[in-house]
Structures are given as structure tokens and as C-alpha cells.
Amino acid sequence: MTAFGTMIFIPRYWSIDRERNLKWGLVTRLHRCRGVSKQGEKLFKNFEEHQAQAIAAKKIHRDATAAGFKGEKRERLVMAKLGFDSETDRKQLWRLLNLY
């Protein structure tokens, strides 16, 4: 076991069927108890920054809609005001708008 997964060594001469010979339920239960997660100050700081960015995105989106922008022009305007790169996928914007 490692913090990020499990290494299983199987001798070359064994003929193994992944689905029938391994008990995947037990393996996943082991992973759940050893999971590495963020905690403390860094997690809280990242959460606050993400929340502030989502709130700003909603406000800019609402203002752009009120100004008469629609569709792709509105998305580009919002992403530009948020400081996103021009190559950023619009899915990132929609994830922000659907938070909180």
C-alpha cells in the first residue's frame, strides 16, 4: 500500500483474471481509509479564493446580461474580466457560475 494506490505483484507464470481473482471491494475499502486529503489552513484558503472568484463571476455575468451581451460574447467578456487566458475552456466559467 502507498498513500496513492496499491501495487500488486503477480508472478509471470500465474494466469490471472482481474475480475474474478481479486476482491476489488476489499482493495477499495483499503484505499478509503488511507486517502490523502488537504486539510487545515491551505484547504480553507483555497476554498475562500474559489468562493470569491465564483461570486465575482456571477456578478460580472449578471452585469453583462443586463448590458445586453449574449452567448459567446458574454462568456468571453466574463472570462476576460476574471483574468482567464483566452484559450481557457468555457466549461470552467460554467462550473464557477453553478457553484454556491
PDB file of N, CA and C in Angstrom:
ATOM      1  N   MET A   1       0.843  -1.189   0.000  1.00  0.00           N
ATOM      2  CA  MET A   1       0.000   0.000   0.000  1.00  0.00           C
ATOM      3  C   MET A   1       0.882   1.244   0.000  1.00  0.00           C
ATOM      4  N   THR A   2       0.473   2.203  -0.791  1.00  0.00           N
ATOM      5  CA  THR A   2       1.073   3.531  -0.734  1.00  0.00           C
ATOM      6  C   THR A   2      -0.057   4.513  -0.443  1.00  0.00           C
ATOM      7  N   ALA A   3       0.275   5.763  -0.272  1.00  0.00           N
ATOM      8  CA  ALA A   3      -0.765   6.759   0.014  1.00  0.00           C
ATOM      9  C   ALA A   3      -1.657   6.998  -1.200  1.00  0.00           C
ATOM     10  N   PHE A   4      -1.181   6.635  -2.383  1.00  0.00           N
ATOM     11  CA  PHE A   4      -1.918   6.948  -3.602  1.00  0.00           C
ATOM     12  C   PHE A   4      -2.431   5.739  -4.363  1.00  0.00           C
ATOM     13  N   GLY A   5      -2.148   4.556  -3.910  1.00  0.00           N
ATOM     14  CA  GLY A   5      -2.623   3.378  -4.633  1.00  0.00           C
ATOM     15  C   GLY A   5      -2.046   2.102  -4.052  1.00  0.00           C
ATOM     16  N   THR A   6      -2.248   1.031  -4.772  1.00  0.00           N
ATOM     17  CA  THR A   6      -1.781  -0.271  -4.339  1.00  0.00           C
ATOM     18  C   THR A   6      -0.982  -0.909  -5.462  1.00  0.00           C
ATOM     19  N   MET A   7       0.175  -1.428  -5.140  1.00  0.00           N
ATOM     20  CA  MET A   7       0.955  -2.167  -6.125  1.00  0.00           C
ATOM     21  C   MET A   7       0.759  -3.651  -5.841  1.00  0.00           C
ATOM     22  N   ILE A   8       0.335  -4.366  -6.837  1.00  0.00           N
ATOM     23  CA  ILE A   8       0.115  -5.803  -6.700  1.00  0.00           C
ATOM     24  C   ILE A   8       1.100  -6.496  -7.631  1.00  0.00           C
ATOM     25  N   PHE A   9       1.936  -7.348  -7.070  1.00  0.00           N
ATOM     26  CA  PHE A   9       2.913  -8.086  -7.864  1.00  0.00           C
ATOM     27  C   PHE A   9       2.380  -9.480  -8.112  1.00  0.00           C
ATOM     28  N   ILE A  10       2.290  -9.833  -9.376  1.00  0.00           N
ATOM     29  CA  ILE A  10       1.778 -11.137  -9.771  1.00  0.00           C
ATOM     30  C   ILE A  10       2.867 -11.830 -10.580  1.00  0.00           C
ATOM     31  N   PRO A  11       3.245 -13.039 -10.179  1.00  0.00           N
ATOM     32  CA  PRO A  11       4.277 -13.759 -10.938  1.00  0.00           C
ATOM     33  C   PRO A  11       3.845 -13.995 -12.385  1.00  0.00           C
ATOM     34  N   ARG A  12       4.804 -13.994 -13.276  1.00  0.00           N
ATOM     35  CA  ARG A  12       4.523 -14.136 -14.697  1.00  0.00           C
ATOM     36  C   ARG A  12       3.844 -15.471 -15.013  1.00  0.00           C
ATOM     37  N   TYR A  13       4.148 -16.497 -14.262  1.00  0.00           N
ATOM     38  CA  TYR A  13       3.607 -17.817 -14.583  1.00  0.00           C
ATOM     39  C   TYR A  13       2.160 -17.999 -14.125  1.00  0.00           C
ATOM     40  N   TRP A  14       1.617 -17.037 -13.372  1.00  0.00           N
ATOM     41  CA  TRP A  14       0.207 -17.126 -12.966  1.00  0.00           C
ATOM     42  C   TRP A  14      -0.679 -16.635 -14.102  1.00  0.00           C
ATOM     43  N   SER A  15      -1.781 -17.298 -14.292  1.00  0.00           N
ATOM     44  CA  SER A  15      -2.784 -16.823 -15.226  1.00  0.00           C
ATOM     45  C   SER A  15      -3.886 -16.189 -14.379  1.00  0.00           C
ATOM     46  N   ILE A  16      -4.022 -14.876 -14.480  1.00  0.00           N
ATOM     47  CA  ILE A  16      -4.934 -14.188 -13.573  1.00  0.00           C
ATOM     48  C   ILE A  16      -6.056 -13.507 -14.349  1.00  0.00           C
ATOM     49  N   ASP A  17      -7.221 -13.581 -13.779  1.00  0.00           N
ATOM     50  CA  ASP A  17      -8.374 -12.866 -14.303  1.00  0.00           C
ATOM     51  C   ASP A  17      -8.661 -11.737 -13.312  1.00  0.00           C
ATOM     52  N   ARG A  18      -8.493 -10.495 -13.755  1.00  0.00           N
ATOM     53  CA  ARG A  18      -8.626  -9.345 -12.855  1.00  0.00           C
ATOM     54  C   ARG A  18      -9.970  -9.306 -12.140  1.00  0.00           C
ATOM     55  N   GLU A  19     -11.012  -9.669 -12.852  1.00  0.00           N
ATOM     56  CA  GLU A  19     -12.356  -9.542 -12.287  1.00  0.00           C
ATOM     57  C   GLU A  19     -12.683 -10.639 -11.289  1.00  0.00           C
ATOM     58  N   ARG A  20     -12.233 -11.853 -11.539  1.00  0.00           N
ATOM     59  CA  ARG A  20     -12.612 -12.961 -10.670  1.00  0.00           C
ATOM     60  C   ARG A  20     -11.600 -13.272  -9.573  1.00  0.00           C
ATOM     61  N   ASN A  21     -10.330 -12.964  -9.800  1.00  0.00           N
ATOM     62  CA  ASN A  21      -9.302 -13.378  -8.848  1.00  0.00           C
ATOM     63  C   ASN A  21      -8.963 -12.335  -7.788  1.00  0.00           C
ATOM     64  N   LEU A  22      -9.366 -11.108  -7.988  1.00  0.00           N
ATOM     65  CA  LEU A  22      -9.092 -10.072  -6.995  1.00  0.00           C
ATOM     66  C   LEU A  22     -10.399  -9.606  -6.382  1.00  0.00           C
ATOM     67  N   LYS A  23     -10.377  -9.345  -5.100  1.00  0.00           N
ATOM     68  CA  LYS A  23     -11.560  -8.843  -4.405  1.00  0.00           C
ATOM     69  C   LYS A  23     -11.467  -7.322  -4.369  1.00  0.00           C
ATOM     70  N   TRP A  24     -12.042  -6.682  -5.402  1.00  0.00           N
ATOM     71  CA  TRP A  24     -11.910  -5.243  -5.567  1.00  0.00           C
ATOM     72  C   TRP A  24     -12.588  -4.463  -4.452  1.00  0.00           C
ATOM     73  N   GLY A  25     -13.630  -5.010  -3.872  1.00  0.00           N
ATOM     74  CA  GLY A  25     -14.286  -4.332  -2.757  1.00  0.00           C
ATOM     75  C   GLY A  25     -13.345  -4.133  -1.585  1.00  0.00           C
ATOM     76  N   LEU A  26     -12.536  -5.154  -1.296  1.00  0.00           N
ATOM     77  CA  LEU A  26     -11.562  -5.034  -0.200  1.00  0.00           C
ATOM     78  C   LEU A  26     -10.464  -4.030  -0.541  1.00  0.00           C
ATOM     79  N   VAL A  27     -10.028  -4.038  -1.795  1.00  0.00           N
ATOM     80  CA  VAL A  27      -8.977  -3.105  -2.207  1.00  0.00           C
ATOM     81  C   VAL A  27      -9.475  -1.663  -2.088  1.00  0.00           C
ATOM     82  N   THR A  28     -10.689  -1.383  -2.549  1.00  0.00           N
ATOM     83  CA  THR A  28     -11.199  -0.015  -2.467  1.00  0.00           C
ATOM     84  C   THR A  28     -11.457   0.401  -1.025  1.00  0.00           C
ATOM     85  N   ARG A  29     -11.834  -0.543  -0.176  1.00  0.00           N
ATOM     86  CA  ARG A  29     -12.028  -0.204   1.239  1.00  0.00           C
ATOM     87  C   ARG A  29     -10.697   0.200   1.873  1.00  0.00           C
ATOM     88  N   LEU A  30      -9.631  -0.479   1.499  1.00  0.00           N
ATOM     89  CA  LEU A  30      -8.299  -0.104   1.991  1.00  0.00           C
ATOM     90  C   LEU A  30      -7.921   1.299   1.521  1.00  0.00           C
ATOM     91  N   HIS A  31      -8.238   1.637   0.286  1.00  0.00           N
ATOM     92  CA  HIS A  31      -7.897   2.962  -0.227  1.00  0.00           C
ATOM     93  C   HIS A  31      -8.658   4.061   0.490  1.00  0.00           C
ATOM     94  N   ARG A  32      -9.899   3.813   0.831  1.00  0.00           N
ATOM     95  CA  ARG A  32     -10.690   4.832   1.514  1.00  0.00           C
ATOM     96  C   ARG A  32     -10.085   5.205   2.858  1.00  0.00           C
ATOM     97  N   CYS A  33      -9.567   4.244   3.579  1.00  0.00           N
ATOM     98  CA  CYS A  33      -9.058   4.544   4.914  1.00  0.00           C
ATOM     99  C   CYS A  33      -7.678   5.209   4.866  1.00  0.00           C
ATOM    100  N   ARG A  34      -6.981   5.140   3.738  1.00  0.00           N
ATOM    101  CA  ARG A  34      -5.648   5.726   3.644  1.00  0.00           C
ATOM    102  C   ARG A  34      -5.600   6.950   2.753  1.00  0.00           C
ATOM    103  N   GLY A  35      -6.726   7.466   2.359  1.00  0.00           N
ATOM    104  CA  GLY A  35      -6.773   8.591   1.440  1.00  0.00           C
ATOM    105  C   GLY A  35      -6.060   9.816   1.984  1.00  0.00           C
ATOM    106  N   VAL A  36      -5.357  10.505   1.118  1.00  0.00           N
ATOM    107  CA  VAL A  36      -4.660  11.726   1.496  1.00  0.00           C
ATOM    108  C   VAL A  36      -5.546  12.899   1.096  1.00  0.00           C
ATOM    109  N   SER A  37      -5.854  13.755   2.024  1.00  0.00           N
ATOM    110  CA  SER A  37      -6.701  14.895   1.705  1.00  0.00           C
ATOM    111  C   SER A  37      -6.080  16.174   2.250  1.00  0.00           C
ATOM    112  N   LYS A  38      -6.454  17.290   1.618  1.00  0.00           N
ATOM    113  CA  LYS A  38      -5.989  18.580   2.114  1.00  0.00           C
ATOM    114  C   LYS A  38      -6.740  18.879   3.400  1.00  0.00           C
ATOM    115  N   GLN A  39      -6.097  19.581   4.261  1.00  0.00           N
ATOM    116  CA  GLN A  39      -6.774  19.970   5.490  1.00  0.00           C
ATOM    117  C   GLN A  39      -6.099  21.205   6.064  1.00  0.00           C
ATOM    118  N   GLY A  40      -6.794  21.838   6.914  1.00  0.00           N
ATOM    119  CA  GLY A  40      -6.214  22.963   7.624  1.00  0.00           C
ATOM    120  C   GLY A  40      -6.228  24.253   6.840  1.00  0.00           C
ATOM    121  N   GLU A  41      -5.188  25.044   7.039  1.00  0.00           N
ATOM    122  CA  GLU A  41      -5.125  26.412   6.531  1.00  0.00           C
ATOM    123  C   GLU A  41      -5.141  26.474   5.003  1.00  0.00           C
ATOM    124  N   LYS A  42      -4.399  25.603   4.332  1.00  0.00           N
ATOM    125  CA  LYS A  42      -4.326  25.643   2.873  1.00  0.00           C
ATOM    126  C   LYS A  42      -5.679  25.331   2.248  1.00  0.00           C
ATOM    127  N   LEU A  43      -6.374  24.341   2.760  1.00  0.00           N
ATOM    128  CA  LEU A  43      -7.690  23.994   2.227  1.00  0.00           C
ATOM    129  C   LEU A  43      -8.649  25.167   2.391  1.00  0.00           C
ATOM    130  N   PHE A  44      -8.646  25.789   3.559  1.00  0.00           N
ATOM    131  CA  PHE A  44      -9.552  26.904   3.821  1.00  0.00           C
ATOM    132  C   PHE A  44      -9.230  28.090   2.925  1.00  0.00           C
ATOM    133  N   LYS A  45      -7.947  28.383   2.721  1.00  0.00           N
ATOM    134  CA  LYS A  45      -7.534  29.495   1.874  1.00  0.00           C
ATOM    135  C   LYS A  45      -7.977  29.257   0.429  1.00  0.00           C
ATOM    136  N   ASN A  46      -7.757  28.049  -0.084  1.00  0.00           N
ATOM    137  CA  ASN A  46      -8.171  27.716  -1.451  1.00  0.00           C
ATOM    138  C   ASN A  46      -9.683  27.817  -1.595  1.00  0.00           C
ATOM    139  N   PHE A  47     -10.415  27.358  -0.606  1.00  0.00           N
ATOM    140  CA  PHE A  47     -11.874  27.422  -0.639  1.00  0.00           C
ATOM    141  C   PHE A  47     -12.357  28.867  -0.693  1.00  0.00           C
ATOM    142  N   GLU A  48     -11.763  29.724   0.134  1.00  0.00           N
ATOM    143  CA  GLU A  48     -12.153  31.136   0.150  1.00  0.00           C
ATOM    144  C   GLU A  48     -11.874  31.814  -1.187  1.00  0.00           C
ATOM    145  N   GLU A  49     -10.707  31.537  -1.779  1.00  0.00           N
ATOM    146  CA  GLU A  49     -10.364  32.137  -3.068  1.00  0.00           C
ATOM    147  C   GLU A  49     -11.324  31.675  -4.154  1.00  0.00           C
ATOM    148  N   HIS A  50     -11.637  30.400  -4.159  1.00  0.00           N
ATOM    149  CA  HIS A  50     -12.547  29.840  -5.159  1.00  0.00           C
ATOM    150  C   HIS A  50     -13.948  30.418  -4.999  1.00  0.00           C
ATOM    151  N   GLN A  51     -14.384  30.570  -3.764  1.00  0.00           N
ATOM    152  CA  GLN A  51     -15.703  31.130  -3.492  1.00  0.00           C
ATOM    153  C   GLN A  51     -15.761  32.599  -3.940  1.00  0.00           C
ATOM    154  N   ALA A  52     -14.719  33.348  -3.667  1.00  0.00           N
ATOM    155  CA  ALA A  52     -14.683  34.753  -4.078  1.00  0.00           C
ATOM    156  C   ALA A  52     -14.690  34.874  -5.595  1.00  0.00           C
ATOM    157  N   GLN A  53     -13.977  33.989  -6.277  1.00  0.00           N
ATOM    158  CA  GLN A  53     -13.952  34.010  -7.731  1.00  0.00           C
ATOM    159  C   GLN A  53     -15.337  33.659  -8.299  1.00  0.00           C
ATOM    160  N   ALA A  54     -16.034  32.705  -7.679  1.00  0.00           N
ATOM    161  CA  ALA A  54     -17.373  32.330  -8.129  1.00  0.00           C
ATOM    162  C   ALA A  54     -18.357  33.489  -7.949  1.00  0.00           C
ATOM    163  N   ILE A  55     -18.263  34.182  -6.836  1.00  0.00           N
ATOM    164  CA  ILE A  55     -19.158  35.322  -6.581  1.00  0.00           C
ATOM    165  C   ILE A  55     -18.890  36.437  -7.593  1.00  0.00           C
ATOM    166  N   ALA A  56     -17.610  36.704  -7.862  1.00  0.00           N
ATOM    167  CA  ALA A  56     -17.258  37.732  -8.846  1.00  0.00           C
ATOM    168  C   ALA A  56     -17.751  37.344 -10.234  1.00  0.00           C
ATOM    169  N   ALA A  57     -17.623  36.069 -10.586  1.00  0.00           N
ATOM    170  CA  ALA A  57     -18.077  35.601 -11.900  1.00  0.00           C
ATOM    171  C   ALA A  57     -19.579  35.786 -12.046  1.00  0.00           C
ATOM    172  N   LYS A  58     -20.326  35.484 -10.996  1.00  0.00           N
ATOM    173  CA  LYS A  58     -21.785  35.655 -11.065  1.00  0.00           C
ATOM    174  C   LYS A  58     -22.165  37.119 -11.233  1.00  0.00           C
ATOM    175  N   LYS A  59     -21.471  38.012 -10.532  1.00  0.00           N
ATOM    176  CA  LYS A  59     -21.780  39.438 -10.629  1.00  0.00           C
ATOM    177  C   LYS A  59     -21.461  39.960 -12.028  1.00  0.00           C
ATOM    178  N   ILE A  60     -20.300  39.608 -12.551  1.00  0.00           N
ATOM    179  CA  ILE A  60     -19.908  40.058 -13.886  1.00  0.00           C
ATOM    180  C   ILE A  60     -20.863  39.493 -14.931  1.00  0.00           C
ATOM    181  N   HIS A  61     -21.252  38.238 -14.781  1.00  0.00           N
ATOM    182  CA  HIS A  61     -22.176  37.595 -15.713  1.00  0.00           C
ATOM    183  C   HIS A  61     -23.536  38.298 -15.684  1.00  0.00           C
ATOM    184  N   ARG A  62     -24.010  38.624 -14.504  1.00  0.00           N
ATOM    185  CA  ARG A  62     -25.292  39.309 -14.353  1.00  0.00           C
ATOM    186  C   ARG A  62     -25.228  40.703 -14.997  1.00  0.00           C
ATOM    187  N   ASP A  63     -24.119  41.427 -14.776  1.00  0.00           N
ATOM    188  CA  ASP A  63     -23.960  42.757 -15.356  1.00  0.00           C
ATOM    189  C   ASP A  63     -23.876  42.693 -16.886  1.00  0.00           C
ATOM    190  N   ALA A  64     -23.167  41.692 -17.406  1.00  0.00           N
ATOM    191  CA  ALA A  64     -23.041  41.536 -18.855  1.00  0.00           C
ATOM    192  C   ALA A  64     -24.390  41.208 -19.488  1.00  0.00           C
ATOM    193  N   THR A  65     -25.182  40.408 -18.797  1.00  0.00           N
ATOM    194  CA  THR A  65     -26.524  40.080 -19.289  1.00  0.00           C
ATOM    195  C   THR A  65     -27.398  41.334 -19.311  1.00  0.00           C
ATOM    196  N   ALA A  66     -27.315  42.128 -18.268  1.00  0.00           N
ATOM    197  CA  ALA A  66     -28.097  43.366 -18.193  1.00  0.00           C
ATOM    198  C   ALA A  66     -27.669  44.360 -19.275  1.00  0.00           C
ATOM    199  N   ALA A  67     -26.398  44.306 -19.669  1.00  0.00           N
ATOM    200  CA  ALA A  67     -25.889  45.203 -20.706  1.00  0.00           C
ATOM    201  C   ALA A  67     -26.257  44.725 -22.104  1.00  0.00           C
ATOM    202  N   GLY A  68     -26.865  43.551 -22.203  1.00  0.00           N
ATOM    203  CA  GLY A  68     -27.337  43.066 -23.495  1.00  0.00           C
ATOM    204  C   GLY A  68     -26.428  42.077 -24.193  1.00  0.00           C
ATOM    205  N   PHE A  69     -25.365  41.633 -23.521  1.00  0.00           N
ATOM    206  CA  PHE A  69     -24.489  40.638 -24.125  1.00  0.00           C
ATOM    207  C   PHE A  69     -25.136  39.260 -24.039  1.00  0.00           C
ATOM    208  N   LYS A  70     -24.909  38.457 -25.076  1.00  0.00           N
ATOM    209  CA  LYS A  70     -25.474  37.106 -25.094  1.00  0.00           C
ATOM    210  C   LYS A  70     -24.439  36.133 -25.628  1.00  0.00           C
ATOM    211  N   GLY A  71     -24.622  34.874 -25.265  1.00  0.00           N
ATOM    212  CA  GLY A  71     -23.841  33.786 -25.840  1.00  0.00           C
ATOM    213  C   GLY A  71     -22.350  33.890 -25.631  1.00  0.00           C
ATOM    214  N   GLU A  72     -21.639  33.634 -26.738  1.00  0.00           N
ATOM    215  CA  GLU A  72     -20.183  33.560 -26.675  1.00  0.00           C
ATOM    216  C   GLU A  72     -19.542  34.901 -26.330  1.00  0.00           C
ATOM    217  N   LYS A  73     -20.132  36.007 -26.802  1.00  0.00           N
ATOM    218  CA  LYS A  73     -19.583  37.333 -26.471  1.00  0.00           C
ATOM    219  C   LYS A  73     -19.629  37.573 -24.970  1.00  0.00           C
ATOM    220  N   ARG A  74     -20.737  37.181 -24.345  1.00  0.00           N
ATOM    221  CA  ARG A  74     -20.870  37.350 -22.892  1.00  0.00           C
ATOM    222  C   ARG A  74     -19.843  36.489 -22.165  1.00  0.00           C
ATOM    223  N   GLU A  75     -19.686  35.249 -22.606  1.00  0.00           N
ATOM    224  CA  GLU A  75     -18.714  34.358 -21.972  1.00  0.00           C
ATOM    225  C   GLU A  75     -17.302  34.918 -22.084  1.00  0.00           C
ATOM    226  N   ARG A  76     -16.930  35.395 -23.293  1.00  0.00           N
ATOM    227  CA  ARG A  76     -15.591  35.949 -23.474  1.00  0.00           C
ATOM    228  C   ARG A  76     -15.374  37.183 -22.599  1.00  0.00           C
ATOM    229  N   LEU A  77     -16.402  38.022 -22.490  1.00  0.00           N
ATOM    230  CA  LEU A  77     -16.313  39.219 -21.652  1.00  0.00           C
ATOM    231  C   LEU A  77     -16.101  38.847 -20.181  1.00  0.00           C
ATOM    232  N   VAL A  78     -16.887  37.914 -19.696  1.00  0.00           N
ATOM    233  CA  VAL A  78     -16.778  37.499 -18.290  1.00  0.00           C
ATOM    234  C   VAL A  78     -15.409  36.885 -18.018  1.00  0.00           C
ATOM    235  N   MET A  79     -14.954  35.995 -18.917  1.00  0.00           N
ATOM    236  CA  MET A  79     -13.653  35.359 -18.706  1.00  0.00           C
ATOM    237  C   MET A  79     -12.516  36.368 -18.786  1.00  0.00           C
ATOM    238  N   ALA A  80     -12.647  37.375 -19.655  1.00  0.00           N
ATOM    239  CA  ALA A  80     -11.607  38.414 -19.745  1.00  0.00           C
ATOM    240  C   ALA A  80     -11.554  39.235 -18.462  1.00  0.00           C
ATOM    241  N   LYS A  81     -12.718  39.592 -17.919  1.00  0.00           N
ATOM    242  CA  LYS A  81     -12.739  40.377 -16.687  1.00  0.00           C
ATOM    243  C   LYS A  81     -12.249  39.576 -15.483  1.00  0.00           C
ATOM    244  N   LEU A  82     -12.419  38.252 -15.529  1.00  0.00           N
ATOM    245  CA  LEU A  82     -11.911  37.409 -14.441  1.00  0.00           C
ATOM    246  C   LEU A  82     -10.418  37.134 -14.578  1.00  0.00           C
ATOM    247  N   GLY A  83      -9.845  37.479 -15.726  1.00  0.00           N
ATOM    248  CA  GLY A  83      -8.417  37.278 -15.930  1.00  0.00           C
ATOM    249  C   GLY A  83      -8.073  35.898 -16.453  1.00  0.00           C
ATOM    250  N   PHE A  84      -9.034  35.205 -17.041  1.00  0.00           N
ATOM    251  CA  PHE A  84      -8.775  33.890 -17.627  1.00  0.00           C
ATOM    252  C   PHE A  84      -7.993  34.057 -18.918  1.00  0.00           C
ATOM    253  N   ASP A  85      -7.192  33.073 -19.255  1.00  0.00           N
ATOM    254  CA  ASP A  85      -6.477  33.047 -20.513  1.00  0.00           C
ATOM    255  C   ASP A  85      -7.476  32.911 -21.657  1.00  0.00           C
ATOM    256  N   SER A  86      -7.132  33.422 -22.829  1.00  0.00           N
ATOM    257  CA  SER A  86      -8.061  33.370 -23.961  1.00  0.00           C
ATOM    258  C   SER A  86      -8.320  31.939 -24.432  1.00  0.00           C
ATOM    259  N   GLU A  87      -7.428  31.022 -24.109  1.00  0.00           N
ATOM    260  CA  GLU A  87      -7.592  29.623 -24.514  1.00  0.00           C
ATOM    261  C   GLU A  87      -8.348  28.784 -23.477  1.00  0.00           C
ATOM    262  N   THR A  88      -8.786  29.406 -22.405  1.00  0.00           N
ATOM    263  CA  THR A  88      -9.488  28.685 -21.348  1.00  0.00           C
ATOM    264  C   THR A  88     -10.818  28.159 -21.858  1.00  0.00           C
ATOM    265  N   ASP A  89     -11.116  26.921 -21.509  1.00  0.00           N
ATOM    266  CA  ASP A  89     -12.378  26.306 -21.907  1.00  0.00           C
ATOM    267  C   ASP A  89     -13.521  26.964 -21.151  1.00  0.00           C
ATOM    268  N   ARG A  90     -14.634  27.190 -21.832  1.00  0.00           N
ATOM    269  CA  ARG A  90     -15.767  27.867 -21.202  1.00  0.00           C
ATOM    270  C   ARG A  90     -16.417  27.030 -20.112  1.00  0.00           C
ATOM    271  N   LYS A  91     -16.104  25.746 -20.067  1.00  0.00           N
ATOM    272  CA  LYS A  91     -16.652  24.883 -19.007  1.00  0.00           C
ATOM    273  C   LYS A  91     -16.196  25.353 -17.629  1.00  0.00           C
ATOM    274  N   GLN A  92     -14.985  25.901 -17.554  1.00  0.00           N
ATOM    275  CA  GLN A  92     -14.503  26.414 -16.271  1.00  0.00           C
ATOM    276  C   GLN A  92     -15.379  27.557 -15.779  1.00  0.00           C
ATOM    277  N   LEU A  93     -15.787  28.416 -16.697  1.00  0.00           N
ATOM    278  CA  LEU A  93     -16.664  29.519 -16.325  1.00  0.00           C
ATOM    279  C   LEU A  93     -18.002  28.977 -15.829  1.00  0.00           C
ATOM    280  N   TRP A  94     -18.560  28.015 -16.534  1.00  0.00           N
ATOM    281  CA  TRP A  94     -19.873  27.497 -16.144  1.00  0.00           C
ATOM    282  C   TRP A  94     -19.814  26.733 -14.832  1.00  0.00           C
ATOM    283  N   ARG A  95     -18.685  26.094 -14.547  1.00  0.00           N
ATOM    284  CA  ARG A  95     -18.528  25.455 -13.223  1.00  0.00           C
ATOM    285  C   ARG A  95     -18.553  26.503 -12.124  1.00  0.00           C
ATOM    286  N   LEU A  96     -17.877  27.633 -12.369  1.00  0.00           N
ATOM    287  CA  LEU A  96     -17.886  28.709 -11.370  1.00  0.00           C
ATOM    288  C   LEU A  96     -19.290  29.273 -11.182  1.00  0.00           C
ATOM    289  N   LEU A  97     -20.000  29.468 -12.294  1.00  0.00           N
ATOM    290  CA  LEU A  97     -21.334  30.060 -12.205  1.00  0.00           C
ATOM    291  C   LEU A  97     -22.332  29.130 -11.504  1.00  0.00           C
ATOM    292  N   ASN A  98     -22.084  27.856 -11.537  1.00  0.00           N
ATOM    293  CA  ASN A  98     -23.010  26.904 -10.921  1.00  0.00           C
ATOM    294  C   ASN A  98     -22.657  26.562  -9.482  1.00  0.00           C
ATOM    295  N   LEU A  99     -21.613  27.192  -8.941  1.00  0.00           N
ATOM    296  CA  LEU A  99     -21.238  26.957  -7.543  1.00  0.00           C
ATOM    297  C   LEU A  99     -22.006  27.899  -6.624  1.00  0.00           C
ATOM    298  N   TYR A 100     -22.151  27.501  -5.392  1.00  0.00           N
ATOM    299  CA  TYR A 100     -22.669  28.312  -4.288  1.00  0.00           C
ATOM    300  C   TYR A 100     -24.001  28.905  -4.600  1.00  0.00           C
TER     301      TYR A 100
END
